[in-house]
Protein backbone atom coordinates (compact mmCIF):
# COMPACT_ATOMS: atom_id res chain seq x y z
CA UNK A 1 -78.36 323.54 34.74
CA UNK A 2 -75.32 323.64 32.42
CA UNK A 3 -74.59 321.05 29.70
CA UNK A 4 -71.02 319.72 29.75
CA UNK A 5 -69.09 316.84 28.59
CA UNK A 6 -67.49 314.78 31.40
CA UNK A 7 -63.96 316.06 30.61
CA UNK A 8 -65.12 319.64 30.73
CA UNK A 9 -67.01 318.91 33.97
CA UNK A 10 -63.96 317.70 35.65
CA UNK A 11 -62.12 320.94 34.49
CA UNK A 12 -64.92 323.00 35.92
CA UNK A 13 -64.76 321.00 39.21
CA UNK A 14 -61.07 321.43 39.45
CA UNK A 15 -61.44 325.22 38.84
CA UNK A 16 -64.08 325.45 41.47
CA UNK A 17 -61.83 323.70 44.02
CA UNK A 18 -58.85 325.89 43.16
CA UNK A 19 -60.91 329.08 43.38
CA UNK A 20 -62.12 328.05 46.76
CA UNK A 21 -58.86 326.90 48.43
CA UNK A 22 -55.41 328.23 47.53
CA UNK A 23 -53.74 324.97 48.82
CA UNK A 24 -55.20 323.06 46.02
CA UNK A 25 -52.70 322.52 43.16
CA UNK A 26 -52.36 320.26 40.26
CA UNK A 27 -49.32 318.13 39.06
CA UNK A 28 -48.85 316.01 36.05
CA UNK A 29 -47.23 315.28 32.68
CA UNK A 30 -48.23 317.85 30.00
CA UNK A 31 -51.23 319.20 32.10
CA UNK A 32 -50.10 322.85 31.89
CA UNK A 33 -49.58 324.40 28.44
CA UNK A 34 -50.95 321.43 26.68
CA UNK A 35 -53.91 320.88 29.09
CA UNK A 36 -53.32 317.17 29.36
CA UNK A 37 -53.56 314.49 26.62
CA UNK A 38 -57.38 314.67 27.01
CA UNK A 39 -57.50 318.31 27.51
CA UNK A 40 -59.12 317.97 30.97
CA UNK A 41 -56.91 320.63 32.52
CA UNK A 42 -57.07 323.05 29.51
CA UNK A 43 -56.71 326.69 30.53
CA UNK A 44 -56.01 326.17 34.15
CA UNK A 45 -52.29 326.98 34.03
CA UNK A 46 -53.16 330.21 32.23
CA UNK A 47 -55.61 331.23 34.93
CA UNK A 48 -53.79 329.97 38.04
CA UNK A 49 -50.15 330.10 37.10
CA UNK A 50 -47.28 327.67 37.01
CA UNK A 51 -46.96 327.47 40.61
CA UNK A 52 -50.34 325.74 41.04
CA UNK A 53 -50.66 323.84 37.71
CA UNK A 54 -47.18 322.11 37.62
CA UNK A 55 -45.84 320.24 34.44
CA UNK A 56 -43.82 317.48 35.87
CA UNK A 57 -41.13 315.31 34.36
CA UNK A 58 -42.11 311.77 33.07
CA UNK A 59 -41.67 310.21 36.45
CA UNK A 60 -44.89 308.82 38.17
CA UNK A 61 -43.17 307.80 41.23
CA UNK A 62 -41.66 311.26 41.55
CA UNK A 63 -45.02 312.88 41.02
CA UNK A 64 -46.74 310.84 43.68
CA UNK A 65 -43.80 311.08 46.12
CA UNK A 66 -43.57 314.83 45.76
CA UNK A 67 -47.44 315.05 46.25
CA UNK A 68 -47.12 313.08 49.51
CA UNK A 69 -44.56 315.43 50.83
CA UNK A 70 -46.54 318.54 49.82
CA UNK A 71 -49.69 317.13 51.38
CA UNK A 72 -47.77 316.69 54.68
CA UNK A 73 -46.87 320.39 54.46
CA UNK A 74 -50.56 321.38 54.26
CA UNK A 75 -51.30 321.42 50.48
CA UNK A 76 -53.99 319.41 48.68
CA UNK A 77 -52.29 318.02 45.59
CA UNK A 78 -54.22 316.62 42.71
CA UNK A 79 -51.98 314.41 40.52
CA UNK A 80 -52.85 313.47 36.92
CA UNK A 81 -51.47 310.05 35.81
CA UNK A 82 -51.51 310.44 31.99
CA UNK A 83 -52.84 306.90 31.33
CA UNK A 84 -54.06 304.01 33.52
CA UNK A 85 -50.93 301.67 32.56
CA UNK A 86 -48.49 304.47 33.73
CA UNK A 87 -49.56 304.33 37.23
CA UNK A 88 -47.47 301.25 38.14
CA UNK A 89 -44.11 302.96 38.52
CA UNK A 90 -45.80 304.93 41.38
CA UNK A 91 -47.48 301.79 42.92
CA UNK A 92 -45.00 301.50 45.70
CA UNK A 93 -45.46 305.12 46.65
CA UNK A 94 -49.19 304.87 46.47
CA UNK A 95 -49.78 301.59 48.36
CA UNK A 96 -46.76 301.65 51.03
CA UNK A 97 -46.75 305.52 51.76
CA UNK A 98 -49.89 307.30 50.52
CA UNK A 99 -52.32 304.63 51.75
CA UNK A 100 -50.49 304.05 55.17
CA UNK A 101 -49.32 307.27 56.64
CA UNK A 102 -52.52 308.11 58.41
CA UNK A 103 -52.65 304.76 60.09
CA UNK A 104 -48.84 304.72 60.68
CA UNK A 105 -49.07 308.02 62.51
CA UNK A 106 -52.05 306.91 64.45
CA UNK A 107 -54.17 309.66 62.82
CA UNK A 108 -51.81 312.50 63.50
CA UNK A 109 -50.97 312.93 59.83
CA UNK A 110 -53.26 313.06 56.83
CA UNK A 111 -52.34 312.96 53.16
CA UNK A 112 -55.14 314.51 51.23
CA UNK A 113 -53.89 313.60 47.74
CA UNK A 114 -56.06 312.87 44.77
CA UNK A 115 -54.89 310.72 41.87
CA UNK A 116 -56.79 311.30 38.72
CA UNK A 117 -56.37 308.44 36.36
CA UNK A 118 -58.05 307.99 32.90
CA UNK A 119 -59.31 304.37 33.06
CA UNK A 120 -60.89 301.72 30.94
CA UNK A 121 -60.86 300.93 27.26
CA UNK A 122 -62.68 301.72 24.07
CA UNK A 123 -60.36 304.41 22.75
CA UNK A 124 -58.49 302.15 20.24
CA UNK A 125 -55.09 302.83 21.84
CA UNK A 126 -52.01 300.69 22.37
CA UNK A 127 -50.83 298.65 25.35
CA UNK A 128 -50.97 300.39 28.80
CA UNK A 129 -53.56 302.83 27.86
CA UNK A 130 -56.85 300.82 28.40
CA UNK A 131 -56.45 298.94 31.65
CA UNK A 132 -58.97 298.90 34.56
CA UNK A 133 -56.76 298.81 37.66
CA UNK A 134 -59.27 299.75 40.20
CA UNK A 135 -59.34 296.46 42.12
CA UNK A 136 -55.57 296.88 42.84
CA UNK A 137 -56.28 300.04 44.66
CA UNK A 138 -59.57 298.95 46.16
CA UNK A 139 -57.64 296.10 47.76
CA UNK A 140 -55.30 298.60 49.46
CA UNK A 141 -56.65 299.68 52.85
CA UNK A 142 -56.33 303.49 53.40
CA UNK A 143 -57.26 304.38 49.76
CA UNK A 144 -60.75 305.62 48.63
CA UNK A 145 -61.52 304.64 45.07
CA UNK A 146 -64.30 306.24 43.12
CA UNK A 147 -65.46 306.62 39.40
CA UNK A 148 -68.13 308.95 37.88
CA UNK A 149 -70.30 308.07 34.97
CA UNK A 150 -71.81 311.42 34.22
CA UNK A 151 -70.83 315.06 33.77
CA UNK A 152 -72.81 315.98 36.96
CA UNK A 153 -71.10 313.36 39.15
CA UNK A 154 -67.72 314.27 37.63
CA UNK A 155 -68.09 317.89 38.44
CA UNK A 156 -69.05 317.22 42.10
CA UNK A 157 -67.27 313.98 42.89
CA UNK A 158 -63.73 315.59 42.00
CA UNK A 159 -64.45 318.39 44.42
CA UNK A 160 -65.50 315.99 47.14
CA UNK A 161 -62.35 313.92 46.55
CA UNK A 162 -60.20 317.02 46.95
CA UNK A 163 -61.95 317.93 50.14
CA UNK A 164 -61.39 314.40 51.62
CA UNK A 165 -58.86 313.97 54.31
CA UNK A 166 -57.93 310.62 52.91
CA UNK A 167 -56.21 309.91 49.62
CA UNK A 168 -58.66 309.23 46.76
CA UNK A 169 -57.96 307.50 43.63
CA UNK A 170 -60.25 309.22 41.12
CA UNK A 171 -60.73 307.13 37.99
CA UNK A 172 -62.05 308.72 34.91
CA UNK A 173 -63.86 306.74 32.21
CA UNK A 174 -61.64 307.83 29.33
CA UNK A 175 -64.11 306.76 26.51
CA UNK A 176 -66.78 308.88 28.16
CA UNK A 177 -64.87 312.05 28.36
CA UNK A 178 -66.83 313.60 25.45
CA UNK A 179 -70.22 312.56 26.33
CA UNK A 180 -72.47 315.43 27.39
CA UNK A 181 -75.10 315.76 29.93
CA UNK A 182 -76.72 318.31 32.38
CA UNK A 183 -74.76 319.49 35.48
CA UNK A 184 -76.47 321.35 38.31
CA UNK A 185 -73.63 323.68 39.49
CA UNK A 186 -75.77 325.47 41.97
CA UNK A 187 -76.40 322.76 44.62
CA UNK A 188 -75.93 323.67 48.19
CA UNK A 189 -74.56 321.86 51.24
CA UNK A 190 -76.54 318.66 51.74
CA UNK A 191 -77.85 318.50 48.30
CA UNK A 192 -74.97 316.81 46.64
CA UNK A 193 -75.02 312.95 46.72
CA UNK A 194 -72.35 311.68 49.24
CA UNK A 195 -69.22 310.63 47.53
CA UNK A 196 -69.51 306.87 48.44
CA UNK A 197 -73.27 306.58 47.96
CA UNK A 198 -74.57 304.38 45.08
CA UNK A 199 -77.58 305.69 43.07
CA UNK A 200 -80.51 304.05 41.42
CA UNK A 201 -80.55 305.49 37.85
CA UNK A 202 -83.51 303.39 36.56
CA UNK A 203 -86.03 301.57 38.68
CA UNK A 204 -87.07 298.03 37.75
CA UNK A 205 -88.66 294.95 39.06
CA UNK A 206 -87.20 291.83 37.42
CA UNK A 207 -83.34 292.12 37.96
CA UNK A 208 -80.76 294.53 39.10
CA UNK A 209 -77.84 295.66 36.92
CA UNK A 210 -74.93 297.19 38.95
CA UNK A 211 -72.30 299.17 37.13
CA UNK A 212 -70.08 302.10 37.47
CA UNK A 213 -67.94 304.44 35.16
CA UNK A 214 -67.83 303.40 31.59
CA UNK A 215 -70.37 300.52 31.96
CA UNK A 216 -73.08 302.68 33.30
CA UNK A 217 -74.24 303.65 29.66
CA UNK A 218 -73.88 300.12 28.67
CA UNK A 219 -76.18 298.89 31.39
CA UNK A 220 -78.74 301.66 30.61
CA UNK A 221 -78.72 300.58 26.95
CA UNK A 222 -79.20 296.95 27.98
CA UNK A 223 -82.10 297.99 30.16
CA UNK A 224 -83.77 299.69 27.28
CA UNK A 225 -83.25 296.63 24.96
CA UNK A 226 -84.51 294.27 27.76
CA UNK A 227 -87.65 296.46 28.12
CA UNK A 228 -88.49 295.92 24.44
CA UNK A 229 -88.82 292.18 25.25
CA UNK A 230 -90.90 292.97 28.44
CA UNK A 231 -88.06 292.61 31.02
CA UNK A 232 -87.90 295.41 33.56
CA UNK A 233 -84.25 296.03 34.71
CA UNK A 234 -83.16 298.26 37.57
CA UNK A 235 -79.87 299.97 37.05
CA UNK A 236 -77.67 300.94 39.93
CA UNK A 237 -74.65 303.23 39.54
CA UNK A 238 -72.02 302.14 42.18
CA UNK A 239 -69.98 305.41 41.95
CA UNK A 240 -67.72 304.28 44.76
CA UNK A 241 -65.56 301.07 44.46
CA UNK A 242 -63.99 301.60 47.99
CA UNK A 243 -65.72 301.85 50.14
CA UNK A 244 -68.72 299.92 48.67
CA UNK A 245 -72.32 301.09 49.21
CA UNK A 246 -73.60 297.51 49.70
CA UNK A 247 -76.79 298.68 51.40
CA UNK A 248 -78.11 300.43 48.26
CA UNK A 249 -77.52 297.46 46.19
CA UNK A 250 -78.91 295.03 48.71
CA UNK A 251 -82.21 297.10 48.93
CA UNK A 252 -82.49 296.87 45.12
CA UNK A 253 -81.74 293.02 45.13
CA UNK A 254 -84.28 292.50 47.87
CA UNK A 255 -86.83 294.10 45.42
CA UNK A 256 -85.72 292.26 42.21
CA UNK A 257 -84.30 288.97 43.51
CA UNK A 258 -81.58 288.98 40.88
CA UNK A 259 -78.30 290.78 40.36
CA UNK A 260 -75.94 291.18 37.37
CA UNK A 261 -72.74 293.12 38.02
CA UNK A 262 -71.20 294.75 34.79
CA UNK A 263 -67.51 296.06 34.77
CA UNK A 264 -64.86 296.54 32.35
CA UNK A 265 -62.38 295.26 34.78
CA UNK A 266 -61.68 291.48 34.42
CA UNK A 267 -64.26 289.14 36.13
CA UNK A 268 -61.51 286.95 37.80
CA UNK A 269 -60.74 288.50 41.21
CA UNK A 270 -62.51 291.63 40.01
CA UNK A 271 -64.57 294.29 41.79
CA UNK A 272 -67.72 292.45 40.88
CA UNK A 273 -66.60 289.28 42.88
CA UNK A 274 -66.58 291.23 46.15
CA UNK A 275 -69.92 292.77 45.61
CA UNK A 276 -71.27 289.43 44.51
CA UNK A 277 -70.04 287.76 47.70
CA UNK A 278 -71.36 290.57 49.95
CA UNK A 279 -74.81 290.23 48.31
CA UNK A 280 -74.87 286.50 48.63
CA UNK A 281 -74.14 286.94 52.31
CA UNK A 282 -76.69 289.72 52.96
CA UNK A 283 -79.45 288.78 50.54
CA UNK A 284 -79.24 284.96 50.38
CA UNK A 285 -82.98 284.36 51.10
CA UNK A 286 -83.97 287.16 48.73
CA UNK A 287 -82.09 285.88 45.76
CA UNK A 288 -83.89 283.83 43.16
CA UNK A 289 -80.81 282.98 41.12
CA UNK A 290 -76.93 283.04 41.57
CA UNK A 291 -75.35 286.45 41.03
CA UNK A 292 -73.85 286.84 37.49
CA UNK A 293 -70.94 288.87 36.46
CA UNK A 294 -70.10 290.34 33.09
CA UNK A 295 -66.71 291.95 32.54
CA UNK A 296 -63.22 291.74 30.94
CA UNK A 297 -61.43 288.56 30.48
CA UNK A 298 -58.40 287.31 32.48
CA UNK A 299 -55.81 288.33 29.90
CA UNK A 300 -53.60 291.13 28.94
CA UNK A 301 -55.73 294.00 27.28
CA UNK A 302 -55.75 293.24 23.58
CA UNK A 303 -54.79 295.26 20.55
CA UNK A 304 -57.17 297.97 19.43
CA UNK A 305 -58.70 296.00 16.40
CA UNK A 306 -60.00 293.31 18.71
CA UNK A 307 -60.84 295.27 21.89
CA UNK A 308 -64.50 295.12 21.09
CA UNK A 309 -64.31 291.45 21.65
CA UNK A 310 -62.88 291.89 25.08
CA UNK A 311 -65.11 294.72 26.46
CA UNK A 312 -68.65 293.94 27.75
CA UNK A 313 -71.44 294.39 25.27
CA UNK A 314 -75.18 294.83 25.44
CA UNK A 315 -75.54 291.27 24.13
CA UNK A 316 -73.36 289.90 26.82
CA UNK A 317 -75.33 291.77 29.41
CA UNK A 318 -78.55 290.47 28.04
CA UNK A 319 -77.24 286.95 28.01
CA UNK A 320 -76.41 287.16 31.66
CA UNK A 321 -79.86 288.63 32.47
CA UNK A 322 -81.61 285.76 30.51
CA UNK A 323 -79.50 283.22 32.42
CA UNK A 324 -80.48 284.74 35.75
CA UNK A 325 -84.06 284.90 34.75
CA UNK A 326 -84.24 281.29 33.71
CA UNK A 327 -82.26 279.87 36.67
């Protein structure tokens, strides 16, 4: 076991993938000498050279378009989008080309591109730096969308994403980059949790909290607070937003009878809405109360001084739990 911060774990995972496969290369703005704005790629250009860790112009559409061409030539590009709000100039490339080429070619072509995108809020930044755009990509068939919540998952999930034959949107919880936890770097084949499998982090009996990325710590904190009042909450880390591991969540809900979905993304048409609908369909006779959702509001992300009023809090989660328990 090695103790790492999430940002360092992603760096180590990238390094392991590049050591293992010379076709893996990194592209992005300021990822070379600077090591990225969050220093996630720190030291990689020094060790692998400028041909494999490429500082690009400020042109997201160009970054993704170039990566698509390189993937078609046999490379496995990993693109860093500097901040979540900067991805939209490349949205056309991602949704009409990257996501569609495998289907368009009837499976003859694959485009194994990974898009690393810092995501979520809580860093006190300005507009276009704190959005949660995951549902836009999850709605696009042909893309896989994942988000780790711990250093261990970050280390392994980035490597699994790079190994995927399909394009993967790899979202990184930017306010959790510096949180440390243990990473088992010595797992063998079959020992690593599959990329799109949810995981029960805390067993419970009274209600299920489903979360991913930055809200996992929030849900675990809420579970601890609820336990002090005698409420036993189960916490499930979704890990993958597309595809969804509905089976693991449904198994939990059949035990607890109640579900609260916690996301930073807006509740309106958010990822929690799809999960809530699927659970209503598959667990209707097990549910003791309607599914509740806690998340961002349907408005542009606010300025830094009031973002704490926008983001989910332990109190908001506990209020939802109380509502579902009293229904």
